[in-house]
N, C-alpha and C. Protein backbone atom coordinates (compact mmCIF):
# COMPACT_ATOMS: atom_id res chain seq x y z
N UNK A 1 19.39 8.56 -15.43
CA UNK A 1 19.89 8.72 -14.64
C UNK A 1 19.36 10.08 -13.98
N UNK A 2 19.03 11.10 -14.56
CA UNK A 2 18.65 12.11 -13.72
C UNK A 2 17.41 12.09 -12.95
N UNK A 3 16.54 11.13 -13.63
CA UNK A 3 15.50 10.66 -12.86
C UNK A 3 15.45 9.60 -11.44
N UNK A 4 16.87 9.24 -11.51
CA UNK A 4 16.73 7.99 -10.70
C UNK A 4 17.20 8.83 -9.35
N UNK A 5 18.12 10.16 -9.66
CA UNK A 5 18.51 10.88 -8.64
C UNK A 5 17.38 12.02 -7.96
N UNK A 6 16.50 12.29 -9.12
CA UNK A 6 15.28 13.29 -8.42
C UNK A 6 14.60 12.25 -7.71
N UNK A 7 14.09 11.06 -8.13
CA UNK A 7 13.25 10.33 -7.68
C UNK A 7 14.16 9.97 -5.81
N UNK A 8 15.33 9.60 -5.96
CA UNK A 8 15.71 9.46 -4.46
C UNK A 8 15.76 10.40 -3.40
N UNK A 9 16.03 11.82 -4.10
CA UNK A 9 16.00 13.11 -3.47
C UNK A 9 14.44 13.25 -2.74
N UNK A 10 13.59 13.00 -3.64
CA UNK A 10 12.30 13.18 -3.18
C UNK A 10 11.97 12.23 -2.21
N UNK A 11 12.35 11.22 -2.37
CA UNK A 11 12.11 9.92 -1.06
C UNK A 11 12.81 10.42 -0.03
N UNK A 12 14.07 10.88 -0.13
CA UNK A 12 14.27 11.09 1.29
C UNK A 12 13.78 12.54 1.76
N UNK A 13 13.11 13.46 1.00
CA UNK A 13 12.60 14.34 1.35
C UNK A 13 11.24 13.97 2.36
N UNK A 14 10.73 12.93 1.91
CA UNK A 14 9.60 11.78 2.33
C UNK A 14 10.23 11.58 3.76
N UNK A 15 11.04 10.61 3.58
CA UNK A 15 11.79 10.66 4.98
C UNK A 15 12.07 11.25 5.92
N UNK A 16 12.53 12.60 5.78
CA UNK A 16 12.64 13.45 6.63
C UNK A 16 11.53 14.46 6.88
N UNK A 17 10.32 14.16 6.29
CA UNK A 17 9.24 14.85 6.79
C UNK A 17 8.54 13.64 7.53
N UNK A 18 8.66 12.49 7.73
CA UNK A 18 8.36 11.57 8.33
C UNK A 18 8.80 11.79 9.80
N UNK A 19 10.49 12.03 9.70
CA UNK A 19 11.26 12.10 11.06
C UNK A 19 10.57 13.09 11.56
N UNK A 20 10.40 14.53 11.19
CA UNK A 20 10.14 15.64 11.79
C UNK A 20 8.85 15.63 12.12
N UNK A 21 7.92 14.91 11.45
CA UNK A 21 6.38 14.56 12.04
C UNK A 21 6.39 13.87 13.48
N UNK A 22 7.09 12.81 13.46
CA UNK A 22 7.48 11.89 14.61
C UNK A 22 7.98 12.77 15.54
N UNK A 23 9.23 13.75 15.33
CA UNK A 23 9.71 14.62 16.57
C UNK A 23 8.50 15.50 17.09
N UNK A 24 7.50 16.05 16.19
CA UNK A 24 6.45 16.76 16.42
C UNK A 24 5.54 16.23 17.35
N UNK A 25 5.20 14.96 17.15
CA UNK A 25 4.25 14.34 17.54
C UNK A 25 5.00 14.09 19.30
N UNK A 26 6.02 13.75 19.25
CA UNK A 26 6.65 13.06 20.65
C UNK A 26 6.82 14.59 21.32
N UNK A 27 7.52 15.68 20.91
CA UNK A 27 7.75 17.06 21.54
C UNK A 27 6.08 17.77 22.05
N UNK A 28 5.12 17.64 21.19
CA UNK A 28 3.93 18.10 21.73
C UNK A 28 2.99 17.17 22.28
N UNK A 29 3.30 16.10 22.43
CA UNK A 29 2.58 15.09 22.87
C UNK A 29 1.21 14.59 22.42
N UNK A 30 0.97 14.94 20.91
CA UNK A 30 -0.22 14.65 20.16
C UNK A 30 -0.89 13.29 20.30
N UNK A 31 -1.94 13.55 20.47
CA UNK A 31 -2.65 11.83 20.72
C UNK A 31 -2.85 11.30 19.00
N UNK A 32 -2.18 11.60 18.13
CA UNK A 32 -2.13 11.12 16.92
C UNK A 32 -0.64 10.74 16.57
N UNK A 33 -1.05 9.88 15.04
CA UNK A 33 0.64 9.01 14.77
C UNK A 33 1.35 10.28 13.89
N UNK A 34 2.49 10.18 14.04
CA UNK A 34 3.13 10.97 13.11
C UNK A 34 3.07 11.08 11.75
N UNK A 35 2.31 10.12 11.23
CA UNK A 35 2.32 9.71 9.87
C UNK A 35 0.97 10.60 9.55
N UNK A 36 0.15 10.86 10.44
CA UNK A 36 -1.09 11.95 10.36
C UNK A 36 -0.56 13.23 10.31
N UNK A 37 0.05 13.68 11.15
CA UNK A 37 0.82 15.03 11.14
C UNK A 37 1.64 15.20 10.08
N UNK A 38 2.25 14.12 9.62
CA UNK A 38 3.12 14.33 8.31
C UNK A 38 2.10 14.41 7.35
N UNK A 39 1.09 13.85 7.00
CA UNK A 39 0.16 14.13 5.68
C UNK A 39 -0.44 15.54 6.09
N UNK A 40 -0.82 15.82 7.34
CA UNK A 40 -1.18 17.37 7.45
C UNK A 40 -0.37 18.01 6.95
N UNK A 41 0.89 18.07 7.33
CA UNK A 41 2.12 19.27 7.23
C UNK A 41 2.28 18.89 5.52
N UNK A 42 2.42 18.00 5.02
CA UNK A 42 2.57 17.77 3.52
C UNK A 42 1.59 18.71 2.71
N UNK A 43 0.07 18.25 3.08
CA UNK A 43 -0.95 18.88 2.48
C UNK A 43 -0.86 20.24 2.72
N UNK A 44 -0.52 21.11 3.93
CA UNK A 44 -0.30 22.30 3.95
C UNK A 44 0.66 23.04 3.19
N UNK A 45 1.82 22.49 3.25
CA UNK A 45 3.19 22.89 2.48
C UNK A 45 2.40 23.01 1.01
N UNK A 46 1.85 22.21 0.50
CA UNK A 46 1.13 22.02 -0.57
C UNK A 46 0.22 23.10 -1.42
N UNK A 47 -0.74 23.41 -0.06
CA UNK A 47 -1.61 24.24 -0.28
C UNK A 47 -1.16 25.79 -0.30
N UNK A 48 -0.16 26.14 0.63
CA UNK A 48 0.31 27.22 0.70
C UNK A 48 1.36 27.59 -0.46
N UNK A 49 1.49 26.36 -1.03
CA UNK A 49 2.73 26.40 -2.63
C UNK A 49 4.00 26.72 -1.85
N UNK A 50 4.44 26.35 -0.68
CA UNK A 50 5.68 26.29 -0.18
C UNK A 50 6.65 25.28 -1.09
N UNK A 51 5.58 24.10 -1.78
CA UNK A 51 6.32 23.24 -2.25
C UNK A 51 5.16 22.85 -3.50
N UNK A 52 5.88 22.39 -4.65
CA UNK A 52 5.10 21.99 -5.71
C UNK A 52 5.11 20.57 -5.87
N UNK A 53 3.70 20.48 -6.34
CA UNK A 53 4.05 18.62 -6.98
C UNK A 53 4.61 18.45 -7.36
N UNK A 54 5.49 19.12 -8.64
CA UNK A 54 6.42 18.67 -9.41
C UNK A 54 7.59 18.22 -8.72
N UNK A 55 7.79 18.71 -7.33
CA UNK A 55 9.11 18.57 -6.55
C UNK A 55 9.14 17.19 -5.77
N UNK A 56 7.73 16.68 -6.04
CA UNK A 56 7.69 15.40 -5.03
C UNK A 56 6.89 14.15 -5.78
N UNK A 57 6.62 14.69 -7.14
CA UNK A 57 5.89 13.56 -7.89
C UNK A 57 6.55 12.56 -8.15
N UNK A 58 7.93 12.22 -8.67
CA UNK A 58 8.46 11.05 -9.00
C UNK A 58 8.68 10.48 -7.38
N UNK A 59 8.80 10.82 -6.50
CA UNK A 59 9.09 9.90 -5.52
C UNK A 59 8.09 9.62 -4.91
N UNK A 60 6.92 10.50 -4.97
CA UNK A 60 5.59 10.09 -4.42
C UNK A 60 5.11 8.46 -4.91
N UNK A 61 5.18 8.75 -6.58
CA UNK A 61 4.69 7.63 -7.45
C UNK A 61 5.64 6.47 -6.98
N UNK A 62 6.82 6.36 -7.20
CA UNK A 62 7.52 5.47 -6.90
C UNK A 62 7.31 4.35 -5.46
N UNK A 63 7.10 5.44 -4.39
CA UNK A 63 6.73 4.74 -2.93
C UNK A 63 5.04 4.33 -3.15
N UNK A 64 4.27 4.94 -4.09
CA UNK A 64 2.89 4.19 -4.13
C UNK A 64 3.15 2.77 -5.00
N UNK A 65 4.23 2.67 -5.65
CA UNK A 65 4.40 1.74 -6.92
C UNK A 65 4.86 0.43 -6.01
N UNK A 66 5.81 0.85 -4.93
CA UNK A 66 6.42 -0.01 -4.28
C UNK A 66 5.80 -0.39 -2.60
N UNK A 67 4.60 0.31 -2.57
CA UNK A 67 4.15 -0.13 -1.38
C UNK A 67 3.86 -1.32 -0.64
N UNK A 68 3.67 -2.26 -1.60
CA UNK A 68 3.74 -3.67 -1.02
C UNK A 68 4.87 -3.97 -0.15
N UNK A 69 6.01 -3.74 -0.83
CA UNK A 69 7.39 -3.77 0.04
C UNK A 69 7.05 -3.51 1.41
N UNK A 70 6.61 -2.41 1.88
CA UNK A 70 6.33 -1.96 2.88
C UNK A 70 5.45 -2.63 3.97
N UNK A 71 4.57 -3.50 3.66
CA UNK A 71 3.91 -4.23 4.24
C UNK A 71 4.34 -5.65 4.54
N UNK A 72 5.51 -6.27 3.89
CA UNK A 72 5.88 -7.24 4.24
C UNK A 72 6.28 -7.64 5.54
N UNK A 73 7.12 -6.73 6.09
CA UNK A 73 7.49 -6.92 7.47
C UNK A 73 6.45 -7.34 8.40
N UNK A 74 5.39 -6.58 8.23
CA UNK A 74 3.93 -6.64 9.13
C UNK A 74 3.53 -8.07 8.69
N UNK A 75 3.36 -8.31 7.46
CA UNK A 75 2.36 -9.93 6.97
C UNK A 75 3.74 -10.93 7.65
N UNK A 76 5.13 -10.76 7.68
CA UNK A 76 5.75 -11.71 8.22
C UNK A 76 5.53 -11.92 9.77
N UNK A 77 5.30 -10.33 10.21
CA UNK A 77 5.41 -10.54 11.90
C UNK A 77 4.28 -11.23 12.37
N UNK A 78 3.32 -11.02 11.70
CA UNK A 78 2.01 -11.99 12.15
C UNK A 78 2.01 -13.07 12.64
N UNK A 79 3.13 -13.90 11.96
CA UNK A 79 3.36 -15.54 12.20
C UNK A 79 3.74 -15.46 13.84
N UNK A 80 4.09 -14.47 14.54
CA UNK A 80 4.50 -14.71 15.80
C UNK A 80 2.95 -14.87 16.56
N UNK A 81 2.18 -14.58 16.00
CA UNK A 81 0.40 -14.62 16.96
C UNK A 81 -0.06 -15.53 16.43
N UNK A 82 0.77 -17.04 16.03
CA UNK A 82 -0.13 -17.89 15.70
C UNK A 82 -1.43 -18.26 16.62
N UNK A 83 -1.37 -18.19 17.95
CA UNK A 83 -3.03 -18.49 18.71
C UNK A 83 -3.80 -17.76 18.57
N UNK A 84 -3.47 -16.39 18.60
CA UNK A 84 -4.51 -15.43 18.08
C UNK A 84 -5.09 -15.49 16.53
N UNK A 85 -4.15 -15.88 15.82
CA UNK A 85 -4.80 -16.29 14.33
C UNK A 85 -5.94 -17.28 14.52
N UNK A 86 -5.72 -18.44 15.19
CA UNK A 86 -6.10 -19.90 15.36
C UNK A 86 -7.66 -19.19 16.05
N UNK A 87 -7.53 -18.61 17.06
CA UNK A 87 -8.53 -18.48 17.61
C UNK A 87 -9.78 -17.18 17.33
N UNK A 88 -8.81 -16.35 16.56
CA UNK A 88 -9.57 -15.16 16.12
C UNK A 88 -9.58 -14.69 14.71
N UNK A 89 -8.78 -15.74 13.99
CA UNK A 89 -8.47 -15.24 12.58
C UNK A 89 -9.73 -14.93 11.65
N UNK A 90 -10.62 -15.75 11.98
CA UNK A 90 -11.90 -15.53 10.88
C UNK A 90 -12.55 -14.15 11.55
N UNK A 91 -12.87 -13.86 12.63
CA UNK A 91 -13.38 -12.53 12.84
C UNK A 91 -12.34 -11.51 12.18
N UNK A 92 -10.88 -11.69 12.57
CA UNK A 92 -10.05 -10.78 11.84
C UNK A 92 -10.23 -10.71 10.27
N UNK A 93 -10.48 -11.74 9.66
CA UNK A 93 -10.50 -11.73 8.29
C UNK A 93 -11.80 -11.10 7.70
N UNK A 94 -12.87 -11.24 8.27
CA UNK A 94 -14.30 -10.95 8.22
C UNK A 94 -13.95 -9.08 8.33
N UNK A 95 -13.36 -8.69 9.62
CA UNK A 95 -13.18 -7.23 9.75
C UNK A 95 -12.65 -6.67 8.62
N UNK A 96 -11.49 -7.08 8.27
CA UNK A 96 -10.52 -6.85 7.38
C UNK A 96 -11.02 -6.61 5.80
N UNK A 97 -12.01 -7.84 5.49
CA UNK A 97 -12.75 -7.97 4.20
C UNK A 97 -13.93 -6.64 4.20
N UNK A 98 -14.46 -6.89 5.35
CA UNK A 98 -16.11 -5.71 5.49
C UNK A 98 -15.51 -4.42 5.11
N UNK A 99 -14.15 -4.18 6.06
CA UNK A 99 -13.89 -2.73 5.86
C UNK A 99 -13.31 -2.31 4.83
N UNK A 100 -12.42 -3.25 3.89
CA UNK A 100 -12.06 -3.26 2.60
C UNK A 100 -12.87 -2.48 1.58
N UNK A 101 -13.91 -3.71 1.54
CA UNK A 101 -15.03 -3.47 1.01
C UNK A 101 -15.97 -1.67 0.81
N UNK A 102 -16.07 -1.61 2.12
CA UNK A 102 -16.62 -0.30 2.88
C UNK A 102 -15.65 0.91 1.91
N UNK A 103 -14.44 0.91 2.18
CA UNK A 103 -13.52 2.07 1.65
C UNK A 103 -13.66 2.05 0.11
N UNK A 104 -13.71 0.62 -0.10
CA UNK A 104 -13.77 0.60 -1.88
C UNK A 104 -15.24 1.46 -2.15
N UNK A 105 -15.90 1.06 -1.58
CA UNK A 105 -17.53 1.76 -2.30
C UNK A 105 -17.40 3.08 -1.79
N UNK A 106 -17.11 3.41 -0.54
CA UNK A 106 -16.98 4.88 -0.10
C UNK A 106 -16.26 5.87 -1.06
N UNK A 107 -15.01 5.31 -1.19
CA UNK A 107 -13.99 6.03 -2.20
C UNK A 107 -14.66 5.99 -3.58
N UNK A 108 -15.26 4.96 -4.15
CA UNK A 108 -15.97 4.98 -5.43
C UNK A 108 -17.13 6.18 -5.49
N UNK A 109 -17.92 6.17 -4.43
CA UNK A 109 -18.93 7.01 -4.11
C UNK A 109 -18.69 8.76 -4.49
N UNK A 110 -17.38 8.72 -3.57
CA UNK A 110 -16.71 10.19 -3.22
C UNK A 110 -16.15 10.47 -4.63
N UNK A 111 -15.20 9.81 -5.33
CA UNK A 111 -14.71 10.00 -6.99
C UNK A 111 -15.89 10.31 -7.66
N UNK A 112 -16.94 9.70 -7.67
CA UNK A 112 -18.17 10.14 -8.70
C UNK A 112 -18.73 11.49 -8.50
N UNK A 113 -18.85 11.86 -6.93
CA UNK A 113 -19.25 12.91 -6.64
C UNK A 113 -18.55 14.35 -7.14
N UNK A 114 -17.23 13.93 -6.88
CA UNK A 114 -16.06 15.05 -7.32
C UNK A 114 -16.03 14.98 -8.92
N UNK A 115 -16.22 13.86 -9.48
CA UNK A 115 -16.14 14.09 -11.15
C UNK A 115 -17.38 14.98 -11.50
N UNK A 116 -18.67 14.23 -10.70
CA UNK A 116 -19.98 15.00 -11.21
C UNK A 116 -19.98 16.52 -10.63
N UNK A 117 -19.13 16.78 -9.71
CA UNK A 117 -19.11 18.31 -8.99
C UNK A 117 -18.19 19.02 -10.50
N UNK A 118 -17.15 18.37 -10.83
CA UNK A 118 -16.62 19.22 -11.81
C UNK A 118 -17.23 19.59 -13.20
N UNK A 119 -17.86 18.11 -13.75
CA UNK A 119 -18.77 18.48 -14.82
C UNK A 119 -19.45 19.45 -14.55
N UNK A 120 -20.14 19.66 -13.88
CA UNK A 120 -21.47 20.68 -13.47
C UNK A 120 -20.63 21.82 -13.32
N UNK A 121 -19.50 22.10 -12.75
CA UNK A 121 -18.66 23.47 -12.56
C UNK A 121 -18.04 23.74 -14.06
N UNK A 122 -17.75 22.88 -14.80
CA UNK A 122 -17.25 23.12 -16.06
C UNK A 122 -18.46 23.69 -17.28
N UNK A 123 -19.74 23.20 -16.53
CA UNK A 123 -21.01 23.58 -17.97
C UNK A 123 -21.35 24.93 -17.57
């Protein structure tokens, strides 16, 4: 029960961070989304040790585990664009497929390089 309250509080923290980031973008007329500002803000807070990873770990793990739920509205919403899917569906599919493969390959290469770098540092 204690973990449930911790997780809920951490998720509320992320919601507040998202709202604050959206306000910052709106007030400063920044050309990026609130999500990007929120990620940078969270990264900065973690780097200067204003918050510790343990304080947000349960909430972030829960959000990542339930990420699919956040994409369902977008997937359902695409049904409104039936003509777009009929005319450009294959191009959209190929673009999504290729970009997914590219991200996976680049993430793998980056991960391998980071592990190799840590191994070299340890030796």
